[in-house]
Each structure stands twice: as C-alpha cells, then as structure tokens.
C-alpha cells in the first residue's frame, strides 16, 4: 500500500493523510475510497487509523485518547488499571480534561472525558514515551486515584473508615497497592482540588504506610 511508505505510524491526522496523497489529482476522492474499502478507519473527524490488513503494529489507545479530545490526560479507572491498582480490565478509555466533559463512541471503542479544575488538571501528569518517539499523557497512580475519588457521587467518604471501605470494597484496590502510593503526592493534589475528601485519602494511605513500617 502506497500510504504505508509515507505514514510510519498507525494513527495519523487529516493533514498527514492529505500530504501522503498529493500525487493524486483528487485526493479527497481517494480518501473516500480508502474509507469505503476499510483500508483506513476514521476514528473521528480529522483522525485516522490504518485498517487491520495494513497495520504493522497495534494502535495506541492512550495516544488516541489524547488526540481525540484535548487538552486531556488518561486517568480514572483506565489509569488505575494501567498502574495495576484495580484488577478489572477497563474497556472505556477514561480521561480528565480542563475543558468540558465529553464522550465519544468510535469504531475502535468508547472514550470519555471528565472535566476537572485547571489547578487540579495540571499536576500529577506523566509523559509516557512510545518506542517510536511519540508520547501520551497519563495520570500518575496517585492522581488517577484522586480523580476517581473526587468523581464518586454522594455525600459519603468523609472519614478514613468510609474511604477505606470504598477503596478496598467498591474499587477492589488491594491494601498492598495502597501502601505503595505516596501520601504527600495525594495531599498536594488535594490542595490543588481544595478537597477535604482527598485530604482524608492522603491520611488513609499515610496510616497504612505507617502501620506497615511499624511491623517491619
């Protein structure tokens, strides 16, 4: 396929696609033909993937999440699973954004974005590099958990006991995984969120770490 000579990545935008078809007299008609044949897939307007028969490698769902809607950072349940904090595989790629909340159903899955304050959005973000030199933004484990705790609706989770039950019962986070978190990072995020609930989360993690240290 000629396009594969010009486009090294599985994910690409409209301008790259158009540039790769510049030898054609009617590149837009060619794009329509490629889409109809399934040789390329439109994820959303202006964003594409190669069809299965032309892929050289799996596409990156996390990178797609950053590209579909931004500014955004993969977080919440998807990031919790990525970091090994929750056992269940998460099908929806969940992100936080400093824009408006949004969700997208695409040919390659569902992507959701939860709005959070800018002060909270801009901390606790890790830049994860791919082998090809590109990178995507992913919340660190503490930020992903903080985002999820803030997102939980209802008036509960005010005490350490309520939060511990939620973390280990509802989210099914193992106690050993909680002990691996940094309570200071959580408290920094709590300050950015101005969240009492997150301060209590930091206290829960700190208590677990202290208990582990005293038994060491």
N, C-alpha and C. Protein backbone atom coordinates (compact mmCIF):
# COMPACT_ATOMS: atom_id res chain seq x y z
N UNK A 1 0.85 -1.20 0.00
CA UNK A 1 0.00 0.00 0.00
C UNK A 1 0.89 1.25 0.00
N UNK A 2 0.65 2.17 -0.93
CA UNK A 2 1.49 3.36 -1.06
C UNK A 2 1.53 4.20 0.21
N UNK A 3 0.39 4.31 0.89
CA UNK A 3 0.33 5.15 2.08
C UNK A 3 1.34 4.71 3.14
N UNK A 4 1.59 3.42 3.22
CA UNK A 4 2.49 2.91 4.25
C UNK A 4 3.92 3.38 4.03
N UNK A 5 4.25 3.77 2.83
CA UNK A 5 5.58 4.31 2.57
C UNK A 5 5.72 5.71 3.11
N UNK A 6 4.60 6.43 3.22
CA UNK A 6 4.62 7.83 3.63
C UNK A 6 4.25 8.03 5.10
N UNK A 7 3.47 7.10 5.66
CA UNK A 7 2.98 7.26 7.04
C UNK A 7 3.52 6.12 7.90
N UNK A 8 4.47 6.41 8.79
CA UNK A 8 5.09 5.35 9.59
C UNK A 8 4.25 4.87 10.77
N UNK A 9 3.30 5.71 11.22
CA UNK A 9 2.54 5.39 12.42
C UNK A 9 1.17 4.81 12.08
N UNK A 10 0.57 4.14 13.07
CA UNK A 10 -0.78 3.58 12.86
C UNK A 10 -1.85 4.67 12.97
N UNK A 11 -1.57 5.71 13.75
CA UNK A 11 -2.51 6.80 13.96
C UNK A 11 -2.00 8.04 13.22
N UNK A 12 -2.90 8.72 12.53
CA UNK A 12 -2.45 9.90 11.77
C UNK A 12 -3.63 10.85 11.56
N UNK A 13 -3.28 12.12 11.31
CA UNK A 13 -4.34 13.12 11.14
C UNK A 13 -4.62 13.41 9.66
N UNK A 14 -5.60 14.25 9.42
CA UNK A 14 -6.06 14.53 8.07
C UNK A 14 -4.97 15.18 7.22
N UNK A 15 -4.20 16.08 7.82
CA UNK A 15 -3.17 16.78 7.05
C UNK A 15 -2.08 15.82 6.58
N UNK A 16 -1.67 14.91 7.44
CA UNK A 16 -0.67 13.91 7.05
C UNK A 16 -1.23 13.03 5.94
N UNK A 17 -2.49 12.64 6.07
CA UNK A 17 -3.13 11.82 5.04
C UNK A 17 -3.18 12.56 3.71
N UNK A 18 -3.58 13.82 3.75
CA UNK A 18 -3.67 14.62 2.53
C UNK A 18 -2.30 14.78 1.87
N UNK A 19 -1.29 15.06 2.68
CA UNK A 19 0.08 15.20 2.15
C UNK A 19 0.57 13.92 1.49
N UNK A 20 0.19 12.79 2.05
CA UNK A 20 0.62 11.50 1.52
C UNK A 20 -0.06 11.15 0.20
N UNK A 21 -1.17 11.84 -0.10
CA UNK A 21 -1.93 11.57 -1.33
C UNK A 21 -1.80 12.70 -2.35
N UNK A 22 -0.77 13.53 -2.20
CA UNK A 22 -0.67 14.71 -3.05
C UNK A 22 -0.41 14.38 -4.52
N UNK A 23 0.05 13.16 -4.83
CA UNK A 23 0.26 12.80 -6.24
C UNK A 23 -1.05 12.51 -6.96
N UNK A 24 -2.14 12.35 -6.17
CA UNK A 24 -3.45 12.07 -6.78
C UNK A 24 -4.10 13.39 -7.22
N UNK A 25 -4.79 13.34 -8.36
CA UNK A 25 -5.47 14.54 -8.86
C UNK A 25 -6.63 14.93 -7.94
N UNK A 26 -7.26 13.91 -7.34
CA UNK A 26 -8.40 14.17 -6.44
C UNK A 26 -8.20 13.41 -5.13
N UNK A 27 -7.33 13.93 -4.25
CA UNK A 27 -7.01 13.20 -3.01
C UNK A 27 -8.21 12.96 -2.11
N UNK A 28 -9.18 13.87 -2.10
CA UNK A 28 -10.35 13.67 -1.23
C UNK A 28 -11.19 12.49 -1.70
N UNK A 29 -11.29 12.31 -3.01
CA UNK A 29 -12.00 11.14 -3.54
C UNK A 29 -11.26 9.85 -3.17
N UNK A 30 -9.92 9.93 -3.18
CA UNK A 30 -9.12 8.76 -2.80
C UNK A 30 -9.35 8.42 -1.33
N UNK A 31 -9.46 9.43 -0.49
CA UNK A 31 -9.72 9.20 0.94
C UNK A 31 -11.08 8.51 1.12
N UNK A 32 -12.07 8.97 0.39
CA UNK A 32 -13.40 8.35 0.45
C UNK A 32 -13.32 6.88 0.05
N UNK A 33 -12.53 6.59 -1.00
CA UNK A 33 -12.36 5.21 -1.46
C UNK A 33 -11.66 4.35 -0.42
N UNK A 34 -10.62 4.89 0.20
CA UNK A 34 -9.87 4.15 1.22
C UNK A 34 -10.76 3.83 2.42
N UNK A 35 -11.61 4.79 2.79
CA UNK A 35 -12.53 4.58 3.91
C UNK A 35 -13.57 3.52 3.56
N UNK A 36 -14.10 3.59 2.35
CA UNK A 36 -15.13 2.64 1.93
C UNK A 36 -14.59 1.21 1.90
N UNK A 37 -13.33 1.05 1.52
CA UNK A 37 -12.70 -0.28 1.44
C UNK A 37 -12.19 -0.76 2.79
N UNK A 38 -12.23 0.11 3.80
CA UNK A 38 -11.73 -0.28 5.12
C UNK A 38 -10.22 -0.26 5.22
N UNK A 39 -9.55 0.34 4.23
CA UNK A 39 -8.09 0.41 4.27
C UNK A 39 -7.61 1.41 5.32
N UNK A 40 -8.40 2.43 5.55
CA UNK A 40 -8.19 3.33 6.68
C UNK A 40 -9.52 3.47 7.42
N UNK A 41 -9.44 3.84 8.70
CA UNK A 41 -10.63 3.99 9.55
C UNK A 41 -10.65 5.41 10.10
N UNK A 42 -11.79 6.06 10.01
CA UNK A 42 -11.93 7.38 10.61
C UNK A 42 -12.35 7.21 12.06
N UNK A 43 -11.48 7.56 12.98
CA UNK A 43 -11.78 7.47 14.41
C UNK A 43 -12.75 8.60 14.78
N UNK A 44 -12.44 9.79 14.34
CA UNK A 44 -13.31 10.97 14.43
C UNK A 44 -12.87 11.91 13.33
N UNK A 45 -13.57 12.99 13.14
CA UNK A 45 -13.22 13.92 12.07
C UNK A 45 -11.76 14.37 12.24
N UNK A 46 -10.96 14.12 11.20
CA UNK A 46 -9.57 14.56 11.20
C UNK A 46 -8.58 13.60 11.81
N UNK A 47 -9.04 12.43 12.29
CA UNK A 47 -8.15 11.46 12.93
C UNK A 47 -8.42 10.06 12.39
N UNK A 48 -7.34 9.38 11.98
CA UNK A 48 -7.49 8.11 11.27
C UNK A 48 -6.55 7.04 11.81
N UNK A 49 -6.90 5.78 11.46
CA UNK A 49 -6.05 4.62 11.70
C UNK A 49 -5.97 3.81 10.41
N UNK A 50 -4.91 3.04 10.27
CA UNK A 50 -4.89 2.06 9.19
C UNK A 50 -5.83 0.92 9.53
N UNK A 51 -6.49 0.35 8.51
CA UNK A 51 -7.31 -0.83 8.70
C UNK A 51 -6.44 -2.02 9.09
N UNK A 52 -7.06 -3.06 9.62
CA UNK A 52 -6.31 -4.21 10.15
C UNK A 52 -5.34 -4.81 9.15
N UNK A 53 -5.76 -4.87 7.88
CA UNK A 53 -4.91 -5.54 6.89
C UNK A 53 -3.63 -4.77 6.59
N UNK A 54 -3.58 -3.51 7.00
CA UNK A 54 -2.40 -2.70 6.70
C UNK A 54 -1.61 -2.28 7.95
N UNK A 55 -2.03 -2.76 9.11
CA UNK A 55 -1.33 -2.38 10.34
C UNK A 55 -0.01 -3.14 10.47
N UNK A 56 0.99 -2.41 10.95
CA UNK A 56 2.29 -3.03 11.24
C UNK A 56 2.43 -3.32 12.73
N UNK A 57 1.60 -2.65 13.53
CA UNK A 57 1.66 -2.80 14.99
C UNK A 57 0.30 -2.43 15.56
N UNK A 58 0.02 -2.83 16.79
CA UNK A 58 -1.25 -2.40 17.42
C UNK A 58 -1.26 -0.88 17.57
N UNK A 59 -2.43 -0.27 17.39
CA UNK A 59 -2.53 1.16 17.62
C UNK A 59 -2.54 1.41 19.13
N UNK A 60 -2.24 2.64 19.52
CA UNK A 60 -2.13 3.00 20.94
C UNK A 60 -3.41 3.70 21.39
N UNK A 61 -4.18 3.04 22.24
CA UNK A 61 -5.45 3.60 22.72
C UNK A 61 -5.23 4.86 23.55
N UNK A 62 -4.15 4.85 24.34
CA UNK A 62 -3.88 6.01 25.19
C UNK A 62 -3.52 7.23 24.35
N UNK A 63 -2.74 7.03 23.31
CA UNK A 63 -2.40 8.14 22.42
C UNK A 63 -3.66 8.65 21.71
N UNK A 64 -4.50 7.74 21.26
CA UNK A 64 -5.76 8.14 20.63
C UNK A 64 -6.60 8.99 21.57
N UNK A 65 -6.64 8.59 22.84
CA UNK A 65 -7.43 9.34 23.82
C UNK A 65 -6.95 10.79 23.91
N UNK A 66 -5.63 10.98 23.91
CA UNK A 66 -5.07 12.34 23.93
C UNK A 66 -5.45 13.11 22.68
N UNK A 67 -5.48 12.43 21.53
CA UNK A 67 -5.71 13.09 20.24
C UNK A 67 -7.19 13.37 19.97
N UNK A 68 -8.07 12.51 20.47
CA UNK A 68 -9.50 12.65 20.18
C UNK A 68 -10.06 13.94 20.78
N UNK A 69 -9.61 14.26 22.01
CA UNK A 69 -10.15 15.44 22.70
C UNK A 69 -9.10 15.97 23.66
N UNK A 70 -8.85 17.25 23.57
CA UNK A 70 -7.81 17.80 24.44
C UNK A 70 -8.05 19.25 24.77
N UNK A 71 -7.23 19.78 25.70
CA UNK A 71 -6.19 19.03 26.41
C UNK A 71 -6.79 17.99 27.35
N UNK A 72 -6.18 16.82 27.36
CA UNK A 72 -6.68 15.75 28.21
C UNK A 72 -5.53 14.85 28.63
N UNK A 73 -5.81 14.06 29.65
CA UNK A 73 -4.82 13.15 30.23
C UNK A 73 -5.55 11.88 30.66
N UNK A 74 -5.06 10.72 30.27
CA UNK A 74 -5.69 9.46 30.65
C UNK A 74 -5.64 9.32 32.17
N UNK A 75 -6.78 9.03 32.78
CA UNK A 75 -6.85 8.96 34.25
C UNK A 75 -8.01 8.05 34.65
N UNK A 76 -8.46 8.22 35.91
CA UNK A 76 -9.63 7.49 36.43
C UNK A 76 -9.43 5.97 36.31
N UNK A 77 -10.50 5.22 35.99
CA UNK A 77 -10.43 3.76 36.02
C UNK A 77 -9.39 3.19 35.06
N UNK A 78 -9.30 3.75 33.86
CA UNK A 78 -8.36 3.19 32.89
C UNK A 78 -6.94 3.31 33.41
N UNK A 79 -6.59 4.46 33.97
CA UNK A 79 -5.23 4.66 34.50
C UNK A 79 -5.00 3.81 35.76
N UNK A 80 -6.05 3.63 36.57
CA UNK A 80 -5.90 2.78 37.75
C UNK A 80 -5.55 1.35 37.34
N UNK A 81 -6.19 0.85 36.29
CA UNK A 81 -5.85 -0.49 35.80
C UNK A 81 -4.45 -0.50 35.18
N UNK A 82 -4.13 0.54 34.44
CA UNK A 82 -2.80 0.65 33.81
C UNK A 82 -1.69 0.56 34.87
N UNK A 83 -1.93 1.20 36.01
CA UNK A 83 -0.93 1.21 37.09
C UNK A 83 -1.03 -0.03 37.99
N UNK A 84 -1.96 -0.92 37.69
CA UNK A 84 -2.08 -2.15 38.46
C UNK A 84 -2.81 -2.01 39.79
N UNK A 85 -3.60 -0.95 39.94
CA UNK A 85 -4.30 -0.73 41.20
C UNK A 85 -5.64 -1.45 41.26
N UNK A 86 -6.32 -1.56 40.13
CA UNK A 86 -7.59 -2.31 40.11
C UNK A 86 -7.45 -3.50 39.18
N UNK A 87 -8.09 -4.61 39.52
CA UNK A 87 -7.88 -5.85 38.75
C UNK A 87 -8.60 -5.92 37.41
N UNK A 88 -9.76 -5.30 37.31
CA UNK A 88 -10.57 -5.47 36.10
C UNK A 88 -10.02 -4.65 34.93
N UNK A 89 -10.00 -5.27 33.76
CA UNK A 89 -9.65 -4.54 32.54
C UNK A 89 -10.77 -3.53 32.26
N UNK A 90 -10.39 -2.34 31.87
CA UNK A 90 -11.36 -1.26 31.64
C UNK A 90 -11.48 -1.02 30.14
N UNK A 91 -12.67 -1.23 29.60
CA UNK A 91 -12.86 -1.10 28.16
C UNK A 91 -12.90 0.37 27.71
N UNK A 92 -13.61 1.21 28.46
CA UNK A 92 -13.66 2.63 28.12
C UNK A 92 -12.35 3.29 28.50
N UNK A 93 -11.76 4.06 27.59
CA UNK A 93 -10.55 4.81 27.93
C UNK A 93 -11.00 6.10 28.60
N UNK A 94 -10.73 6.21 29.89
CA UNK A 94 -11.20 7.34 30.69
C UNK A 94 -10.10 8.38 30.84
N UNK A 95 -10.47 9.64 30.71
CA UNK A 95 -9.51 10.75 30.81
C UNK A 95 -10.11 11.88 31.63
N UNK A 96 -9.25 12.78 32.07
CA UNK A 96 -9.71 14.05 32.65
C UNK A 96 -9.28 15.17 31.71
N UNK A 97 -10.01 16.27 31.77
CA UNK A 97 -9.74 17.40 30.90
C UNK A 97 -10.00 18.70 31.66
N UNK A 98 -9.33 19.77 31.22
CA UNK A 98 -9.65 21.08 31.79
C UNK A 98 -10.69 21.79 30.92
N UNK A 99 -11.17 21.08 29.88
CA UNK A 99 -12.27 21.60 29.06
C UNK A 99 -13.60 21.08 29.60
N UNK A 100 -14.56 20.89 28.71
CA UNK A 100 -15.86 20.37 29.13
C UNK A 100 -15.86 18.85 29.12
N UNK A 101 -16.70 18.27 29.96
CA UNK A 101 -16.86 16.81 29.94
C UNK A 101 -17.41 16.39 28.58
N UNK A 102 -16.97 15.24 28.10
CA UNK A 102 -17.38 14.80 26.77
C UNK A 102 -17.20 13.29 26.68
N UNK A 103 -17.86 12.67 25.72
CA UNK A 103 -17.62 11.26 25.45
C UNK A 103 -17.77 11.01 23.96
N UNK A 104 -17.05 10.01 23.47
CA UNK A 104 -17.03 9.70 22.04
C UNK A 104 -17.15 8.19 21.85
N UNK A 105 -18.13 7.80 21.02
CA UNK A 105 -18.20 6.42 20.55
C UNK A 105 -17.53 6.37 19.20
N UNK A 106 -16.51 5.55 19.06
CA UNK A 106 -15.74 5.49 17.82
C UNK A 106 -15.71 4.05 17.31
N UNK A 107 -15.25 3.84 16.09
CA UNK A 107 -15.14 2.46 15.57
C UNK A 107 -14.15 1.61 16.36
N UNK A 108 -13.30 2.25 17.19
CA UNK A 108 -12.31 1.49 17.96
C UNK A 108 -12.55 1.60 19.46
N UNK A 109 -13.77 1.95 19.87
CA UNK A 109 -14.09 1.95 21.28
C UNK A 109 -14.64 3.27 21.79
N UNK A 110 -14.94 3.25 23.09
CA UNK A 110 -15.54 4.41 23.75
C UNK A 110 -14.47 5.17 24.53
N UNK A 111 -14.51 6.49 24.42
CA UNK A 111 -13.56 7.37 25.11
C UNK A 111 -14.35 8.41 25.88
N UNK A 112 -14.09 8.53 27.18
CA UNK A 112 -14.82 9.50 27.99
C UNK A 112 -13.86 10.48 28.67
N UNK A 113 -14.34 11.70 28.87
CA UNK A 113 -13.51 12.79 29.41
C UNK A 113 -14.30 13.50 30.51
N UNK A 114 -13.71 13.59 31.69
CA UNK A 114 -14.36 14.25 32.82
C UNK A 114 -13.68 15.58 33.10
N UNK A 115 -14.45 16.64 33.18
CA UNK A 115 -13.91 17.98 33.44
C UNK A 115 -13.50 18.10 34.90
N UNK A 116 -12.30 18.63 35.12
CA UNK A 116 -11.82 18.94 36.47
C UNK A 116 -11.21 20.34 36.45
N UNK A 117 -11.03 20.97 37.60
CA UNK A 117 -10.45 22.32 37.61
C UNK A 117 -9.03 22.35 37.04
N UNK A 118 -8.67 23.44 36.40
CA UNK A 118 -7.33 23.58 35.82
C UNK A 118 -6.24 23.37 36.87
N UNK A 119 -6.45 23.88 38.08
CA UNK A 119 -5.43 23.73 39.13
C UNK A 119 -5.16 22.26 39.43
N UNK A 120 -6.19 21.44 39.38
CA UNK A 120 -6.04 20.00 39.63
C UNK A 120 -5.54 19.28 38.39
N UNK A 121 -5.96 19.75 37.22
CA UNK A 121 -5.60 19.07 35.97
C UNK A 121 -4.08 19.08 35.75
N UNK A 122 -3.43 20.18 36.02
CA UNK A 122 -2.05 20.34 35.56
C UNK A 122 -1.00 19.70 36.45
N UNK A 123 -1.41 19.05 37.54
CA UNK A 123 -0.42 18.34 38.36
C UNK A 123 -0.67 16.84 38.30
N UNK A 124 0.41 16.08 38.58
CA UNK A 124 0.29 14.62 38.63
C UNK A 124 0.18 13.97 37.27
N UNK A 125 0.76 14.61 36.24
CA UNK A 125 0.71 14.06 34.88
C UNK A 125 2.08 13.52 34.48
N UNK A 126 2.10 12.33 33.93
CA UNK A 126 3.33 11.70 33.46
C UNK A 126 3.31 11.64 31.93
N UNK A 127 4.45 11.90 31.33
CA UNK A 127 4.59 11.80 29.87
C UNK A 127 5.23 10.46 29.55
N UNK A 128 4.48 9.57 28.93
CA UNK A 128 4.96 8.21 28.67
C UNK A 128 5.35 8.08 27.20
N UNK A 129 6.62 7.80 26.97
CA UNK A 129 7.14 7.73 25.61
C UNK A 129 6.92 6.35 25.00
N UNK A 130 6.54 6.35 23.73
CA UNK A 130 6.40 5.12 22.96
C UNK A 130 7.75 4.80 22.30
N UNK A 131 7.87 3.58 21.81
CA UNK A 131 9.12 3.17 21.18
C UNK A 131 9.46 4.00 19.95
N UNK A 132 8.43 4.56 19.29
CA UNK A 132 8.67 5.34 18.07
C UNK A 132 8.99 6.82 18.35
N UNK A 133 9.11 7.18 19.64
CA UNK A 133 9.48 8.54 19.99
C UNK A 133 8.31 9.44 20.34
N UNK A 134 7.10 9.05 19.98
CA UNK A 134 5.93 9.83 20.36
C UNK A 134 5.59 9.56 21.83
N UNK A 135 4.66 10.32 22.38
CA UNK A 135 4.34 10.15 23.79
C UNK A 135 2.87 10.49 24.04
N UNK A 136 2.34 9.96 25.15
CA UNK A 136 0.99 10.33 25.57
C UNK A 136 1.03 10.73 27.04
N UNK A 137 -0.01 11.43 27.48
CA UNK A 137 -0.11 11.91 28.85
C UNK A 137 -0.99 10.97 29.67
N UNK A 138 -0.46 10.55 30.81
CA UNK A 138 -1.16 9.62 31.70
C UNK A 138 -1.02 10.12 33.13
N UNK A 139 -2.08 10.08 33.89
CA UNK A 139 -2.02 10.46 35.30
C UNK A 139 -1.15 9.47 36.06
N UNK A 140 -0.35 9.98 37.01
CA UNK A 140 0.36 9.09 37.91
C UNK A 140 -0.68 8.36 38.76
N UNK A 141 -0.27 7.29 39.42
CA UNK A 141 -1.23 6.47 40.16
C UNK A 141 -2.00 7.27 41.20
N UNK A 142 -1.30 8.15 41.93
CA UNK A 142 -1.95 8.95 42.97
C UNK A 142 -2.99 9.89 42.38
N UNK A 143 -2.67 10.48 41.21
CA UNK A 143 -3.61 11.41 40.57
C UNK A 143 -4.82 10.65 40.03
N UNK A 144 -4.59 9.49 39.42
CA UNK A 144 -5.70 8.69 38.90
C UNK A 144 -6.67 8.32 40.01
N UNK A 145 -6.12 7.94 41.17
CA UNK A 145 -6.98 7.58 42.30
C UNK A 145 -7.70 8.81 42.83
N UNK A 146 -6.99 9.92 42.94
CA UNK A 146 -7.62 11.16 43.43
C UNK A 146 -8.75 11.58 42.51
N UNK A 147 -8.53 11.53 41.21
CA UNK A 147 -9.58 11.89 40.24
C UNK A 147 -10.80 11.00 40.42
N UNK A 148 -10.55 9.70 40.66
CA UNK A 148 -11.66 8.75 40.81
C UNK A 148 -12.42 9.00 42.10
N UNK A 149 -11.72 9.29 43.17
CA UNK A 149 -12.38 9.54 44.46
C UNK A 149 -13.23 10.81 44.38
N UNK A 150 -12.70 11.85 43.75
CA UNK A 150 -13.46 13.09 43.59
C UNK A 150 -14.70 12.85 42.73
N UNK A 151 -14.58 11.99 41.73
CA UNK A 151 -15.68 11.73 40.79
C UNK A 151 -16.83 10.96 41.44
N UNK A 152 -16.56 10.27 42.54
CA UNK A 152 -17.60 9.46 43.19
C UNK A 152 -18.69 10.37 43.74
N UNK A 153 -19.89 10.14 43.31
CA UNK A 153 -21.01 10.98 43.73
C UNK A 153 -21.49 10.58 45.13
N UNK A 154 -22.23 11.46 45.75
CA UNK A 154 -22.79 11.17 47.07
C UNK A 154 -22.07 11.92 48.16
N UNK A 155 -22.62 11.86 49.35
CA UNK A 155 -22.11 12.64 50.47
C UNK A 155 -21.20 11.85 51.39
N UNK A 156 -20.96 10.58 51.06
CA UNK A 156 -20.12 9.75 51.90
C UNK A 156 -18.64 10.06 51.72
N UNK A 157 -17.81 9.12 52.16
CA UNK A 157 -16.35 9.21 52.03
C UNK A 157 -15.78 10.40 52.80
N UNK A 158 -16.35 10.64 53.97
CA UNK A 158 -15.88 11.76 54.80
C UNK A 158 -14.86 11.30 55.84
N UNK A 159 -14.88 10.03 56.16
CA UNK A 159 -13.99 9.52 57.20
C UNK A 159 -13.00 8.52 56.60
N UNK A 160 -11.94 8.26 57.35
CA UNK A 160 -10.96 7.28 56.88
C UNK A 160 -11.60 5.90 56.70
N UNK A 161 -12.51 5.54 57.61
CA UNK A 161 -13.16 4.24 57.51
C UNK A 161 -14.01 4.14 56.24
N UNK A 162 -14.80 5.18 55.96
CA UNK A 162 -15.64 5.17 54.75
C UNK A 162 -14.79 5.09 53.49
N UNK A 163 -13.67 5.82 53.47
CA UNK A 163 -12.81 5.80 52.30
C UNK A 163 -12.12 4.44 52.13
N UNK A 164 -11.69 3.86 53.24
CA UNK A 164 -11.04 2.55 53.17
C UNK A 164 -11.99 1.49 52.62
N UNK A 165 -13.25 1.54 53.07
CA UNK A 165 -14.27 0.60 52.56
C UNK A 165 -14.48 0.80 51.07
N UNK A 166 -14.57 2.07 50.64
CA UNK A 166 -14.76 2.37 49.21
C UNK A 166 -13.58 1.88 48.38
N UNK A 167 -12.36 2.15 48.84
CA UNK A 167 -11.17 1.78 48.07
C UNK A 167 -11.03 0.27 47.93
N UNK A 168 -11.23 -0.44 49.04
CA UNK A 168 -11.00 -1.87 49.02
C UNK A 168 -12.24 -2.68 48.67
N UNK A 169 -13.43 -2.10 48.94
CA UNK A 169 -14.67 -2.80 48.62
C UNK A 169 -15.19 -2.47 47.23
N UNK A 170 -15.45 -1.19 46.97
CA UNK A 170 -16.02 -0.79 45.68
C UNK A 170 -15.00 -0.83 44.54
N UNK A 171 -13.83 -0.27 44.78
CA UNK A 171 -12.81 -0.23 43.72
C UNK A 171 -11.97 -1.50 43.68
N UNK A 172 -11.98 -2.26 44.77
CA UNK A 172 -11.23 -3.52 44.86
C UNK A 172 -9.72 -3.29 44.72
N UNK A 173 -9.25 -2.22 45.35
CA UNK A 173 -7.82 -1.95 45.37
C UNK A 173 -7.22 -2.70 46.54
N UNK A 174 -6.19 -3.49 46.27
CA UNK A 174 -5.54 -4.28 47.31
C UNK A 174 -4.80 -3.36 48.28
N UNK A 175 -4.80 -3.72 49.55
CA UNK A 175 -4.13 -2.89 50.57
C UNK A 175 -2.65 -2.70 50.26
N UNK A 176 -2.01 -3.73 49.73
CA UNK A 176 -0.58 -3.62 49.42
C UNK A 176 -0.33 -2.57 48.33
N UNK A 177 -1.29 -2.43 47.39
CA UNK A 177 -1.16 -1.41 46.34
C UNK A 177 -1.31 -0.01 46.93
N UNK A 178 -2.23 0.13 47.89
CA UNK A 178 -2.42 1.43 48.54
C UNK A 178 -1.17 1.83 49.32
N UNK A 179 -0.51 0.86 49.94
CA UNK A 179 0.70 1.14 50.69
C UNK A 179 1.84 1.63 49.78
N UNK A 180 1.75 1.30 48.51
CA UNK A 180 2.78 1.72 47.56
C UNK A 180 2.62 3.14 47.06
N UNK A 181 1.51 3.79 47.42
CA UNK A 181 1.27 5.17 46.98
C UNK A 181 1.98 6.18 47.88
N UNK A 182 2.15 7.37 47.37
CA UNK A 182 2.83 8.44 48.09
C UNK A 182 1.79 9.38 48.71
N UNK A 183 1.64 9.36 50.05
CA UNK A 183 0.61 10.21 50.66
C UNK A 183 0.87 11.70 50.46
N UNK A 184 2.15 12.09 50.36
CA UNK A 184 2.46 13.51 50.14
C UNK A 184 1.98 13.97 48.77
N UNK A 185 2.11 13.10 47.77
CA UNK A 185 1.61 13.43 46.43
C UNK A 185 0.10 13.61 46.46
N UNK A 186 -0.58 12.74 47.20
CA UNK A 186 -2.05 12.84 47.31
C UNK A 186 -2.44 14.14 48.00
N UNK A 187 -1.72 14.53 49.03
CA UNK A 187 -2.04 15.77 49.75
C UNK A 187 -1.79 17.00 48.87
N UNK A 188 -0.77 16.93 48.02
CA UNK A 188 -0.52 18.03 47.08
C UNK A 188 -1.69 18.15 46.09
N UNK A 189 -2.17 17.01 45.61
CA UNK A 189 -3.31 17.01 44.69
C UNK A 189 -4.57 17.48 45.42
N UNK A 190 -4.72 17.09 46.69
CA UNK A 190 -5.87 17.53 47.50
C UNK A 190 -5.90 19.04 47.60
N UNK A 191 -4.73 19.64 47.77
CA UNK A 191 -4.67 21.10 47.88
C UNK A 191 -5.06 21.74 46.56
N UNK A 192 -4.64 21.16 45.45
CA UNK A 192 -5.00 21.70 44.13
C UNK A 192 -6.50 21.58 43.88
N UNK A 193 -7.09 20.51 44.33
CA UNK A 193 -8.53 20.29 44.21
C UNK A 193 -9.33 21.08 45.25
N UNK A 194 -8.63 21.47 46.34
CA UNK A 194 -9.29 22.05 47.52
C UNK A 194 -10.33 21.07 48.06
N UNK A 195 -9.89 19.81 48.18
CA UNK A 195 -10.82 18.72 48.53
C UNK A 195 -10.49 18.13 49.90
N UNK A 196 -11.45 18.22 50.80
CA UNK A 196 -11.30 17.59 52.11
C UNK A 196 -11.28 16.06 51.97
N UNK A 197 -12.07 15.57 51.04
CA UNK A 197 -12.14 14.12 50.80
C UNK A 197 -10.75 13.57 50.44
N UNK A 198 -10.02 14.30 49.62
CA UNK A 198 -8.69 13.85 49.22
C UNK A 198 -7.68 13.97 50.35
N UNK A 199 -7.87 14.95 51.23
CA UNK A 199 -7.00 15.04 52.42
C UNK A 199 -7.16 13.77 53.27
N UNK A 200 -8.40 13.33 53.39
CA UNK A 200 -8.67 12.10 54.14
C UNK A 200 -8.04 10.90 53.43
N UNK A 201 -8.10 10.90 52.09
CA UNK A 201 -7.45 9.83 51.31
C UNK A 201 -5.96 9.79 51.62
N UNK A 202 -5.33 10.94 51.64
CA UNK A 202 -3.91 11.01 51.98
C UNK A 202 -3.64 10.46 53.37
N UNK A 203 -4.54 10.73 54.30
CA UNK A 203 -4.40 10.23 55.67
C UNK A 203 -4.54 8.71 55.71
N UNK A 204 -5.45 8.16 54.90
CA UNK A 204 -5.63 6.71 54.83
C UNK A 204 -4.35 6.04 54.36
N UNK A 205 -3.78 6.55 53.28
CA UNK A 205 -2.56 5.97 52.72
C UNK A 205 -1.40 6.13 53.70
N UNK A 206 -1.32 7.29 54.36
CA UNK A 206 -0.25 7.52 55.34
C UNK A 206 -0.36 6.56 56.51
N UNK A 207 -1.60 6.31 56.96
CA UNK A 207 -1.81 5.38 58.08
C UNK A 207 -1.39 3.97 57.71
N UNK A 208 -1.75 3.54 56.49
CA UNK A 208 -1.38 2.20 56.02
C UNK A 208 0.13 2.04 55.93
N UNK A 209 0.81 3.07 55.42
CA UNK A 209 2.26 3.01 55.31
C UNK A 209 2.92 2.98 56.69
N UNK A 210 2.38 3.77 57.63
CA UNK A 210 2.93 3.80 58.99
C UNK A 210 2.76 2.45 59.68
N UNK A 211 1.58 1.83 59.46
CA UNK A 211 1.32 0.52 60.06
C UNK A 211 2.28 -0.52 59.50
N UNK A 212 2.56 -0.43 58.21
CA UNK A 212 3.50 -1.38 57.58
C UNK A 212 4.90 -1.18 58.13
N UNK A 213 5.29 0.09 58.30
CA UNK A 213 6.65 0.38 58.80
C UNK A 213 6.83 -0.12 60.24
N UNK A 214 5.77 0.00 61.03
CA UNK A 214 5.87 -0.42 62.44
C UNK A 214 5.96 -1.92 62.59
N UNK A 215 5.48 -2.66 61.56
CA UNK A 215 5.55 -4.12 61.60
C UNK A 215 6.81 -4.66 60.91
N UNK A 216 7.55 -3.76 60.28
CA UNK A 216 8.76 -4.20 59.56
C UNK A 216 9.87 -4.60 60.53
